[in-house]
Amino acid sequence: TKVMGKLGKPSLVQWSSTNQIFNNTPTKVVRKSTIMYTVALVIILGLLFIMGGEKEHMLLNINKTTQLYKIKEDNKVSNNFLFLFQNTDSKAHTYALEIVDNPDIEIDRFEPFKLGAKQLSKKVVILSTNKMLVNDNTKDTPITVTIKAYAIDDPERVVVYRKAVFIFPRADKLSQ
């Protein structure tokens, strides 16, 4: 704007509306589009405020290892998982696991452990079964399992449910 002012010409940048420039009418601040943008912003900020109040006191990330499954003696099928526990609470808790929706699958390798405030820990968890869950000779079968992770000292407040996929092998692999 300084350059155009030195040349004695009007500025190329105008901070007013096109309607004001051509018709010499004042700019309306309150119009339909500004009201709609304001309403949208208020709704988004309200939702952010509401969602911010629903804090999880622990985070749990479940990852499958590269080996899909392992068949042990007496046709026991096991799956390895890597669990990442994160205590987001302000005090230490002792965490435990249980399988909610499939009584035929059990937790082989996991001991309850204490995790300090704002800390995280990786644990290898082994889920296994010695029952014939699926009798299919054509393909391996994924079975969704719901895992409940909770703090033993405060199970009502510090609890999360996560889904993991247990891979059960073809039936012909079990008979070998």
N, C-alpha and C. Protein backbone atom coordinates (compact mmCIF):
# COMPACT_ATOMS: atom_id res chain seq x y z
N THR A 1 0.82 -1.20 0.00
CA THR A 1 0.00 0.00 0.00
C THR A 1 0.86 1.26 0.00
N LYS A 2 2.06 1.19 0.55
CA LYS A 2 2.94 2.37 0.56
C LYS A 2 3.40 2.69 -0.86
N VAL A 3 3.66 1.66 -1.65
CA VAL A 3 4.14 1.88 -3.02
C VAL A 3 3.08 2.60 -3.84
N MET A 4 1.84 2.15 -3.77
CA MET A 4 0.77 2.79 -4.53
C MET A 4 0.51 4.20 -4.02
N GLY A 5 0.69 4.41 -2.71
CA GLY A 5 0.51 5.75 -2.15
C GLY A 5 1.54 6.72 -2.70
N LYS A 6 2.78 6.25 -2.88
CA LYS A 6 3.84 7.10 -3.43
C LYS A 6 3.57 7.45 -4.89
N LEU A 7 2.87 6.55 -5.59
CA LEU A 7 2.53 6.81 -6.99
C LEU A 7 1.27 7.66 -7.12
N GLY A 8 0.61 7.93 -5.98
CA GLY A 8 -0.60 8.74 -6.02
C GLY A 8 -1.81 7.98 -6.51
N LYS A 9 -1.80 6.65 -6.37
CA LYS A 9 -2.91 5.82 -6.81
C LYS A 9 -3.52 5.11 -5.61
N PRO A 10 -4.77 4.65 -5.76
CA PRO A 10 -5.39 3.91 -4.65
C PRO A 10 -4.70 2.56 -4.45
N SER A 11 -4.76 2.08 -3.23
CA SER A 11 -4.12 0.81 -2.86
C SER A 11 -4.75 -0.36 -3.59
N LEU A 12 -3.93 -1.36 -3.88
CA LEU A 12 -4.44 -2.57 -4.52
C LEU A 12 -5.17 -3.47 -3.52
N VAL A 13 -4.86 -3.32 -2.24
CA VAL A 13 -5.49 -4.12 -1.20
C VAL A 13 -6.58 -3.29 -0.55
N GLN A 14 -7.80 -3.77 -0.61
CA GLN A 14 -8.92 -3.07 -0.01
C GLN A 14 -9.47 -3.91 1.15
N TRP A 15 -9.69 -3.29 2.28
CA TRP A 15 -10.19 -3.99 3.45
C TRP A 15 -11.70 -3.81 3.59
N SER A 16 -12.36 -3.57 2.52
CA SER A 16 -13.81 -3.43 2.56
C SER A 16 -14.42 -4.36 1.52
N SER A 17 -15.72 -4.53 1.61
CA SER A 17 -16.40 -5.45 0.70
C SER A 17 -16.54 -4.83 -0.69
N THR A 18 -16.79 -5.69 -1.66
CA THR A 18 -16.99 -5.23 -3.04
C THR A 18 -18.22 -4.34 -3.12
N ASN A 19 -19.25 -4.69 -2.37
CA ASN A 19 -20.49 -3.91 -2.35
C ASN A 19 -20.22 -2.48 -1.85
N GLN A 20 -19.37 -2.34 -0.86
CA GLN A 20 -19.06 -1.01 -0.34
C GLN A 20 -18.25 -0.20 -1.35
N ILE A 21 -17.36 -0.83 -2.07
CA ILE A 21 -16.51 -0.11 -3.03
C ILE A 21 -17.33 0.41 -4.20
N PHE A 22 -18.18 -0.45 -4.80
CA PHE A 22 -18.91 -0.05 -6.00
C PHE A 22 -20.19 0.71 -5.71
N ASN A 23 -20.91 0.36 -4.65
CA ASN A 23 -22.20 0.99 -4.38
C ASN A 23 -22.16 1.99 -3.23
N ASN A 24 -21.01 2.12 -2.60
CA ASN A 24 -20.86 3.05 -1.49
C ASN A 24 -21.84 2.78 -0.35
N THR A 25 -22.09 1.50 -0.07
CA THR A 25 -22.97 1.13 1.04
C THR A 25 -22.11 0.55 2.16
N PRO A 26 -22.52 0.75 3.41
CA PRO A 26 -21.72 0.23 4.53
C PRO A 26 -21.72 -1.32 4.56
N THR A 27 -20.63 -1.88 5.05
CA THR A 27 -20.51 -3.34 5.15
C THR A 27 -21.32 -3.84 6.34
N LYS A 28 -22.14 -4.87 6.11
CA LYS A 28 -22.91 -5.49 7.19
C LYS A 28 -22.05 -6.56 7.86
N VAL A 29 -21.85 -6.40 9.15
CA VAL A 29 -21.08 -7.40 9.89
C VAL A 29 -21.97 -8.59 10.23
N VAL A 30 -23.21 -8.31 10.61
CA VAL A 30 -24.15 -9.38 10.96
C VAL A 30 -24.93 -9.75 9.70
N ARG A 31 -24.58 -10.89 9.13
CA ARG A 31 -25.30 -11.40 7.98
C ARG A 31 -25.36 -12.92 8.10
N LYS A 32 -26.04 -13.55 7.17
CA LYS A 32 -26.30 -14.98 7.28
C LYS A 32 -25.02 -15.81 7.40
N SER A 33 -24.03 -15.53 6.59
CA SER A 33 -22.81 -16.34 6.60
C SER A 33 -22.03 -16.17 7.91
N THR A 34 -21.94 -14.95 8.45
CA THR A 34 -21.21 -14.77 9.70
C THR A 34 -21.93 -15.43 10.87
N ILE A 35 -23.26 -15.41 10.84
CA ILE A 35 -24.03 -16.09 11.89
C ILE A 35 -23.81 -17.60 11.81
N MET A 36 -23.82 -18.17 10.61
CA MET A 36 -23.63 -19.61 10.44
C MET A 36 -22.22 -20.03 10.88
N TYR A 37 -21.20 -19.25 10.53
CA TYR A 37 -19.84 -19.57 10.96
C TYR A 37 -19.72 -19.50 12.48
N THR A 38 -20.36 -18.51 13.09
CA THR A 38 -20.32 -18.38 14.54
C THR A 38 -21.00 -19.57 15.22
N VAL A 39 -22.16 -19.97 14.70
CA VAL A 39 -22.86 -21.13 15.26
C VAL A 39 -22.02 -22.40 15.12
N ALA A 40 -21.40 -22.59 13.96
CA ALA A 40 -20.55 -23.78 13.75
C ALA A 40 -19.37 -23.78 14.71
N LEU A 41 -18.73 -22.64 14.91
CA LEU A 41 -17.61 -22.56 15.85
C LEU A 41 -18.05 -22.85 17.28
N VAL A 42 -19.20 -22.33 17.68
CA VAL A 42 -19.70 -22.58 19.04
C VAL A 42 -20.00 -24.07 19.23
N ILE A 43 -20.59 -24.72 18.24
CA ILE A 43 -20.89 -26.16 18.33
C ILE A 43 -19.59 -26.96 18.43
N ILE A 44 -18.61 -26.65 17.61
CA ILE A 44 -17.34 -27.38 17.64
C ILE A 44 -16.63 -27.19 18.97
N LEU A 45 -16.58 -25.97 19.47
CA LEU A 45 -15.95 -25.72 20.76
C LEU A 45 -16.69 -26.41 21.89
N GLY A 46 -18.02 -26.45 21.82
CA GLY A 46 -18.80 -27.16 22.83
C GLY A 46 -18.51 -28.65 22.83
N LEU A 47 -18.44 -29.25 21.63
CA LEU A 47 -18.12 -30.68 21.54
C LEU A 47 -16.71 -30.97 22.04
N LEU A 48 -15.76 -30.10 21.72
CA LEU A 48 -14.40 -30.28 22.23
C LEU A 48 -14.36 -30.21 23.75
N PHE A 49 -15.11 -29.31 24.33
CA PHE A 49 -15.16 -29.17 25.78
C PHE A 49 -15.78 -30.41 26.42
N ILE A 50 -16.87 -30.92 25.83
CA ILE A 50 -17.54 -32.12 26.36
C ILE A 50 -16.63 -33.33 26.25
N MET A 51 -16.00 -33.51 25.08
CA MET A 51 -15.13 -34.67 24.88
C MET A 51 -13.87 -34.58 25.75
N GLY A 52 -13.42 -33.40 26.03
CA GLY A 52 -12.25 -33.24 26.89
C GLY A 52 -12.50 -33.67 28.32
N GLY A 53 -13.74 -33.66 28.74
CA GLY A 53 -14.09 -34.08 30.09
C GLY A 53 -14.14 -35.58 30.26
N GLU A 54 -14.21 -36.34 29.16
CA GLU A 54 -14.29 -37.79 29.23
C GLU A 54 -12.89 -38.39 29.06
N LYS A 55 -12.08 -38.29 30.09
CA LYS A 55 -10.69 -38.74 30.02
C LYS A 55 -10.61 -40.22 30.38
N GLU A 56 -9.81 -40.96 29.62
CA GLU A 56 -9.50 -42.33 29.99
C GLU A 56 -8.31 -42.29 30.94
N HIS A 57 -8.40 -43.04 32.02
CA HIS A 57 -7.34 -43.02 33.02
C HIS A 57 -6.24 -44.02 32.71
N MET A 58 -6.45 -44.82 31.67
CA MET A 58 -5.38 -45.69 31.17
C MET A 58 -5.57 -45.86 29.68
N LEU A 59 -4.46 -46.01 28.98
CA LEU A 59 -4.50 -46.26 27.54
C LEU A 59 -3.91 -47.64 27.30
N LEU A 60 -4.47 -48.36 26.35
CA LEU A 60 -3.98 -49.69 26.03
C LEU A 60 -3.97 -49.85 24.52
N ASN A 61 -2.80 -50.21 23.99
CA ASN A 61 -2.64 -50.45 22.57
C ASN A 61 -2.24 -51.91 22.40
N ILE A 62 -2.97 -52.66 21.57
CA ILE A 62 -2.69 -54.08 21.37
C ILE A 62 -2.18 -54.28 19.95
N ASN A 63 -1.00 -54.86 19.83
CA ASN A 63 -0.41 -55.17 18.53
C ASN A 63 -0.13 -56.65 18.45
N LYS A 64 -0.34 -57.21 17.27
CA LYS A 64 -0.06 -58.63 17.03
C LYS A 64 1.39 -58.75 16.60
N THR A 65 2.05 -59.82 17.03
CA THR A 65 3.42 -60.05 16.59
C THR A 65 3.40 -60.62 15.17
N THR A 66 4.57 -60.78 14.58
CA THR A 66 4.62 -61.25 13.19
C THR A 66 4.20 -62.70 13.05
N GLN A 67 4.40 -63.50 14.08
CA GLN A 67 3.97 -64.90 14.04
C GLN A 67 2.47 -64.97 14.33
N LEU A 68 1.69 -65.49 13.38
CA LEU A 68 0.24 -65.51 13.55
C LEU A 68 -0.19 -66.39 14.71
N TYR A 69 0.34 -67.60 14.77
CA TYR A 69 -0.01 -68.52 15.85
C TYR A 69 1.09 -69.55 16.00
N LYS A 70 1.03 -70.28 17.10
CA LYS A 70 1.97 -71.36 17.34
C LYS A 70 1.18 -72.55 17.85
N ILE A 71 1.43 -73.72 17.25
CA ILE A 71 0.75 -74.94 17.69
C ILE A 71 1.72 -75.71 18.56
N LYS A 72 1.34 -75.92 19.82
CA LYS A 72 2.20 -76.64 20.76
C LYS A 72 1.72 -78.09 20.86
N GLU A 73 2.36 -78.84 21.76
CA GLU A 73 1.94 -80.23 21.97
C GLU A 73 0.48 -80.27 22.42
N ASP A 74 -0.14 -81.37 22.26
CA ASP A 74 -1.58 -81.64 22.51
C ASP A 74 -2.49 -80.60 21.84
N ASN A 75 -2.07 -80.13 20.64
CA ASN A 75 -2.86 -79.19 19.82
C ASN A 75 -3.27 -77.91 20.53
N LYS A 76 -2.40 -77.41 21.38
CA LYS A 76 -2.66 -76.13 22.04
C LYS A 76 -2.21 -75.01 21.10
N VAL A 77 -3.14 -74.12 20.78
CA VAL A 77 -2.87 -73.01 19.86
C VAL A 77 -2.64 -71.75 20.69
N SER A 78 -1.54 -71.05 20.42
CA SER A 78 -1.27 -69.82 21.15
C SER A 78 -0.98 -68.68 20.17
N ASN A 79 -1.38 -67.48 20.57
CA ASN A 79 -1.13 -66.25 19.81
C ASN A 79 -0.38 -65.29 20.72
N ASN A 80 0.65 -64.64 20.18
CA ASN A 80 1.41 -63.65 20.95
C ASN A 80 0.94 -62.25 20.59
N PHE A 81 0.84 -61.41 21.61
CA PHE A 81 0.45 -60.01 21.43
C PHE A 81 1.41 -59.12 22.20
N LEU A 82 1.59 -57.91 21.72
CA LEU A 82 2.38 -56.92 22.42
C LEU A 82 1.42 -55.85 22.93
N PHE A 83 1.30 -55.74 24.25
CA PHE A 83 0.41 -54.77 24.87
C PHE A 83 1.24 -53.59 25.35
N LEU A 84 0.78 -52.38 25.02
CA LEU A 84 1.41 -51.16 25.52
C LEU A 84 0.43 -50.52 26.50
N PHE A 85 0.78 -50.57 27.78
CA PHE A 85 -0.04 -49.96 28.83
C PHE A 85 0.50 -48.57 29.10
N GLN A 86 -0.43 -47.62 29.27
CA GLN A 86 -0.02 -46.27 29.65
C GLN A 86 -0.95 -45.78 30.75
N ASN A 87 -0.36 -45.45 31.88
CA ASN A 87 -1.12 -44.93 33.01
C ASN A 87 -1.20 -43.42 32.86
N THR A 88 -2.38 -42.91 32.55
CA THR A 88 -2.55 -41.46 32.39
C THR A 88 -3.09 -40.82 33.66
N ASP A 89 -3.25 -41.61 34.70
CA ASP A 89 -3.76 -41.11 35.97
C ASP A 89 -2.63 -40.47 36.78
N SER A 90 -2.99 -39.77 37.83
CA SER A 90 -1.99 -39.07 38.65
C SER A 90 -1.45 -39.93 39.78
N LYS A 91 -1.88 -41.20 39.87
CA LYS A 91 -1.34 -42.09 40.90
C LYS A 91 -1.06 -43.47 40.29
N ALA A 92 -0.23 -44.24 40.97
CA ALA A 92 0.16 -45.56 40.48
C ALA A 92 -1.00 -46.55 40.62
N HIS A 93 -1.07 -47.52 39.70
CA HIS A 93 -2.10 -48.56 39.74
C HIS A 93 -1.47 -49.91 39.42
N THR A 94 -2.14 -50.97 39.90
CA THR A 94 -1.76 -52.33 39.54
C THR A 94 -2.77 -52.82 38.52
N TYR A 95 -2.29 -53.22 37.34
CA TYR A 95 -3.16 -53.56 36.23
C TYR A 95 -3.30 -55.07 36.06
N ALA A 96 -4.50 -55.48 35.64
CA ALA A 96 -4.79 -56.89 35.37
C ALA A 96 -5.60 -56.98 34.08
N LEU A 97 -5.66 -58.18 33.52
CA LEU A 97 -6.39 -58.44 32.28
C LEU A 97 -7.36 -59.59 32.48
N GLU A 98 -8.43 -59.57 31.69
CA GLU A 98 -9.30 -60.73 31.58
C GLU A 98 -10.00 -60.71 30.23
N ILE A 99 -10.35 -61.90 29.76
CA ILE A 99 -11.07 -62.03 28.49
C ILE A 99 -12.55 -62.05 28.81
N VAL A 100 -13.30 -61.18 28.15
CA VAL A 100 -14.71 -60.98 28.49
C VAL A 100 -15.64 -61.93 27.75
N ASP A 101 -15.44 -62.10 26.45
CA ASP A 101 -16.49 -62.72 25.64
C ASP A 101 -16.19 -64.11 25.10
N ASN A 102 -15.06 -64.71 25.44
CA ASN A 102 -14.76 -66.04 24.92
C ASN A 102 -14.10 -66.89 26.01
N PRO A 103 -14.87 -67.73 26.69
CA PRO A 103 -14.32 -68.52 27.79
C PRO A 103 -13.36 -69.62 27.34
N ASP A 104 -13.36 -69.96 26.04
CA ASP A 104 -12.47 -71.01 25.54
C ASP A 104 -11.04 -70.53 25.34
N ILE A 105 -10.83 -69.22 25.30
CA ILE A 105 -9.49 -68.66 25.13
C ILE A 105 -9.05 -68.13 26.49
N GLU A 106 -7.83 -68.49 26.87
CA GLU A 106 -7.33 -68.06 28.18
C GLU A 106 -6.03 -67.29 28.03
N ILE A 107 -5.72 -66.53 29.07
CA ILE A 107 -4.48 -65.75 29.09
C ILE A 107 -3.41 -66.63 29.72
N ASP A 108 -2.40 -66.99 28.92
CA ASP A 108 -1.32 -67.86 29.41
C ASP A 108 -0.23 -67.08 30.12
N ARG A 109 0.21 -66.02 29.50
CA ARG A 109 1.37 -65.33 30.05
C ARG A 109 1.04 -63.87 30.32
N PHE A 110 0.66 -63.59 31.55
CA PHE A 110 0.48 -62.22 32.01
C PHE A 110 0.30 -62.25 33.51
N GLU A 111 1.07 -61.46 34.19
CA GLU A 111 0.95 -61.30 35.64
C GLU A 111 0.56 -59.86 35.92
N PRO A 112 -0.37 -59.61 36.86
CA PRO A 112 -0.68 -58.22 37.21
C PRO A 112 0.60 -57.47 37.62
N PHE A 113 0.69 -56.23 37.22
CA PHE A 113 1.89 -55.45 37.50
C PHE A 113 1.52 -54.03 37.89
N LYS A 114 2.44 -53.39 38.61
CA LYS A 114 2.22 -52.02 39.07
C LYS A 114 2.90 -51.06 38.09
N LEU A 115 2.18 -50.00 37.76
CA LEU A 115 2.70 -48.99 36.84
C LEU A 115 2.52 -47.63 37.49
N GLY A 116 3.60 -46.86 37.56
CA GLY A 116 3.57 -45.55 38.19
C GLY A 116 2.75 -44.54 37.40
N ALA A 117 2.49 -43.42 38.03
CA ALA A 117 1.70 -42.36 37.40
C ALA A 117 2.42 -41.82 36.17
N LYS A 118 1.66 -41.63 35.11
CA LYS A 118 2.16 -41.07 33.84
C LYS A 118 3.27 -41.90 33.21
N GLN A 119 3.29 -43.20 33.47
CA GLN A 119 4.32 -44.07 32.89
C GLN A 119 3.69 -45.04 31.91
N LEU A 120 4.55 -45.67 31.10
CA LEU A 120 4.07 -46.69 30.18
C LEU A 120 4.97 -47.91 30.23
N SER A 121 4.39 -49.05 29.81
CA SER A 121 5.11 -50.31 29.86
C SER A 121 4.62 -51.22 28.74
N LYS A 122 5.57 -51.95 28.13
CA LYS A 122 5.22 -52.94 27.10
C LYS A 122 5.27 -54.32 27.73
N LYS A 123 4.26 -55.14 27.43
CA LYS A 123 4.19 -56.50 27.94
C LYS A 123 3.83 -57.44 26.80
N VAL A 124 4.49 -58.60 26.77
CA VAL A 124 4.11 -59.64 25.82
C VAL A 124 3.06 -60.50 26.51
N VAL A 125 1.91 -60.64 25.86
CA VAL A 125 0.80 -61.42 26.41
C VAL A 125 0.52 -62.57 25.45
N ILE A 126 0.36 -63.76 26.01
CA ILE A 126 0.07 -64.94 25.19
C ILE A 126 -1.35 -65.41 25.50
N LEU A 127 -2.17 -65.47 24.46
CA LEU A 127 -3.52 -66.03 24.56
C LEU A 127 -3.48 -67.41 23.93
N SER A 128 -4.17 -68.37 24.56
CA SER A 128 -4.11 -69.73 24.02
C SER A 128 -5.42 -70.47 24.27
N THR A 129 -5.56 -71.59 23.54
CA THR A 129 -6.69 -72.48 23.72
C THR A 129 -6.27 -73.89 23.33
N ASN A 130 -6.88 -74.88 23.97
CA ASN A 130 -6.65 -76.26 23.56
C ASN A 130 -7.95 -76.89 23.06
N LYS A 131 -8.94 -76.06 22.83
CA LYS A 131 -10.23 -76.52 22.31
C LYS A 131 -10.29 -76.29 20.80
N MET A 132 -11.12 -77.05 20.14
CA MET A 132 -11.33 -76.89 18.69
C MET A 132 -12.37 -75.80 18.50
N LEU A 133 -11.92 -74.56 18.25
CA LEU A 133 -12.84 -73.43 18.13
C LEU A 133 -13.53 -73.41 16.77
N VAL A 134 -12.79 -73.75 15.71
CA VAL A 134 -13.34 -73.73 14.35
C VAL A 134 -12.84 -74.97 13.63
N ASN A 135 -13.73 -75.69 12.97
CA ASN A 135 -13.34 -76.88 12.22
C ASN A 135 -13.42 -76.56 10.72
N ASP A 136 -12.36 -75.93 10.22
CA ASP A 136 -12.33 -75.50 8.82
C ASP A 136 -10.99 -75.93 8.23
N ASN A 137 -11.02 -76.76 7.19
CA ASN A 137 -9.80 -77.25 6.56
C ASN A 137 -9.25 -76.31 5.48
N THR A 138 -9.98 -75.25 5.14
CA THR A 138 -9.59 -74.42 4.00
C THR A 138 -8.74 -73.21 4.38
N LYS A 139 -8.96 -72.63 5.56
CA LYS A 139 -8.24 -71.39 5.88
C LYS A 139 -8.12 -71.20 7.39
N ASP A 140 -7.16 -70.36 7.77
CA ASP A 140 -7.04 -69.93 9.16
C ASP A 140 -8.21 -68.99 9.46
N THR A 141 -8.70 -69.03 10.70
CA THR A 141 -9.89 -68.27 11.05
C THR A 141 -9.56 -67.20 12.10
N PRO A 142 -9.85 -65.93 11.80
CA PRO A 142 -9.67 -64.89 12.83
C PRO A 142 -10.88 -64.87 13.77
N ILE A 143 -10.61 -64.83 15.06
CA ILE A 143 -11.66 -64.78 16.07
C ILE A 143 -11.45 -63.51 16.89
N THR A 144 -12.45 -62.65 16.93
CA THR A 144 -12.33 -61.41 17.69
C THR A 144 -12.59 -61.68 19.17
N VAL A 145 -11.68 -61.19 19.99
CA VAL A 145 -11.74 -61.39 21.44
C VAL A 145 -11.74 -60.02 22.10
N THR A 146 -12.63 -59.81 23.08
CA THR A 146 -12.66 -58.56 23.83
C THR A 146 -11.87 -58.75 25.12
N ILE A 147 -10.91 -57.86 25.33
CA ILE A 147 -10.05 -57.93 26.50
C ILE A 147 -10.36 -56.75 27.40
N LYS A 148 -10.56 -57.06 28.67
CA LYS A 148 -10.81 -56.03 29.68
C LYS A 148 -9.51 -55.82 30.46
N ALA A 149 -9.01 -54.60 30.41
CA ALA A 149 -7.83 -54.23 31.21
C ALA A 149 -8.31 -53.24 32.27
N TYR A 150 -7.91 -53.48 33.50
CA TYR A 150 -8.42 -52.65 34.59
C TYR A 150 -7.37 -52.54 35.70
N ALA A 151 -7.55 -51.53 36.54
CA ALA A 151 -6.70 -51.36 37.71
C ALA A 151 -7.34 -52.14 38.85
N ILE A 152 -6.58 -53.01 39.48
CA ILE A 152 -7.11 -53.82 40.57
C ILE A 152 -7.57 -52.95 41.73
N ASP A 153 -6.85 -51.86 41.99
CA ASP A 153 -7.18 -50.99 43.12
C ASP A 153 -8.33 -50.03 42.83
N ASP A 154 -8.73 -49.86 41.58
CA ASP A 154 -9.85 -48.97 41.23
C ASP A 154 -10.52 -49.47 39.95
N PRO A 155 -11.18 -50.65 39.98
CA PRO A 155 -11.71 -51.24 38.74
C PRO A 155 -12.92 -50.53 38.15
N GLU A 156 -13.61 -49.72 38.93
CA GLU A 156 -14.79 -49.01 38.41
C GLU A 156 -14.38 -47.82 37.54
N ARG A 157 -13.33 -47.14 37.95
CA ARG A 157 -12.93 -45.91 37.27
C ARG A 157 -11.86 -46.15 36.20
N VAL A 158 -10.93 -47.03 36.47
CA VAL A 158 -9.81 -47.26 35.56
C VAL A 158 -10.03 -48.60 34.87
N VAL A 159 -10.73 -48.56 33.74
CA VAL A 159 -11.02 -49.77 32.99
C VAL A 159 -11.16 -49.42 31.51
N VAL A 160 -10.61 -50.28 30.64
CA VAL A 160 -10.79 -50.12 29.19
C VAL A 160 -11.07 -51.49 28.58
N TYR A 161 -11.82 -51.47 27.50
CA TYR A 161 -12.11 -52.68 26.73
C TYR A 161 -11.50 -52.52 25.35
N ARG A 162 -10.73 -53.51 24.94
CA ARG A 162 -10.12 -53.49 23.61
C ARG A 162 -10.36 -54.82 22.91
N LYS A 163 -10.41 -54.75 21.59
CA LYS A 163 -10.60 -55.96 20.80
C LYS A 163 -9.26 -56.41 20.23
N ALA A 164 -9.05 -57.73 20.24
CA ALA A 164 -7.86 -58.33 19.65
C ALA A 164 -8.33 -59.47 18.76
N VAL A 165 -7.51 -59.81 17.78
CA VAL A 165 -7.88 -60.88 16.84
C VAL A 165 -7.01 -62.10 17.12
N PHE A 166 -7.66 -63.18 17.54
CA PHE A 166 -7.00 -64.45 17.80
C PHE A 166 -7.10 -65.27 16.52
N ILE A 167 -5.96 -65.72 16.00
CA ILE A 167 -5.94 -66.49 14.75
C ILE A 167 -5.93 -67.98 15.10
N PHE A 168 -6.95 -68.69 14.62
CA PHE A 168 -7.04 -70.13 14.84
C PHE A 168 -6.68 -70.84 13.54
N PRO A 169 -5.78 -71.84 13.58
CA PRO A 169 -5.30 -72.46 12.35
C PRO A 169 -6.32 -73.38 11.69
N ARG A 170 -6.00 -73.75 10.45
CA ARG A 170 -6.83 -74.72 9.73
C ARG A 170 -6.86 -76.03 10.51
N ALA A 171 -7.94 -76.76 10.35
CA ALA A 171 -8.11 -78.02 11.09
C ALA A 171 -7.07 -79.06 10.70
N ASP A 172 -6.64 -79.08 9.44
CA ASP A 172 -5.66 -80.08 9.02
C ASP A 172 -4.28 -79.83 9.65
N LYS A 173 -3.98 -78.62 10.07
CA LYS A 173 -2.72 -78.35 10.75
C LYS A 173 -2.73 -78.88 12.18
N LEU A 174 -3.89 -78.94 12.78
CA LEU A 174 -4.00 -79.42 14.15
C LEU A 174 -3.87 -80.93 14.24
N SER A 175 -4.29 -81.65 13.25
CA SER A 175 -4.27 -83.11 13.32
C SER A 175 -2.89 -83.69 13.10
N GLN A 176 -1.93 -82.89 12.66
CA GLN A 176 -0.58 -83.39 12.39
C GLN A 176 0.15 -83.72 13.67
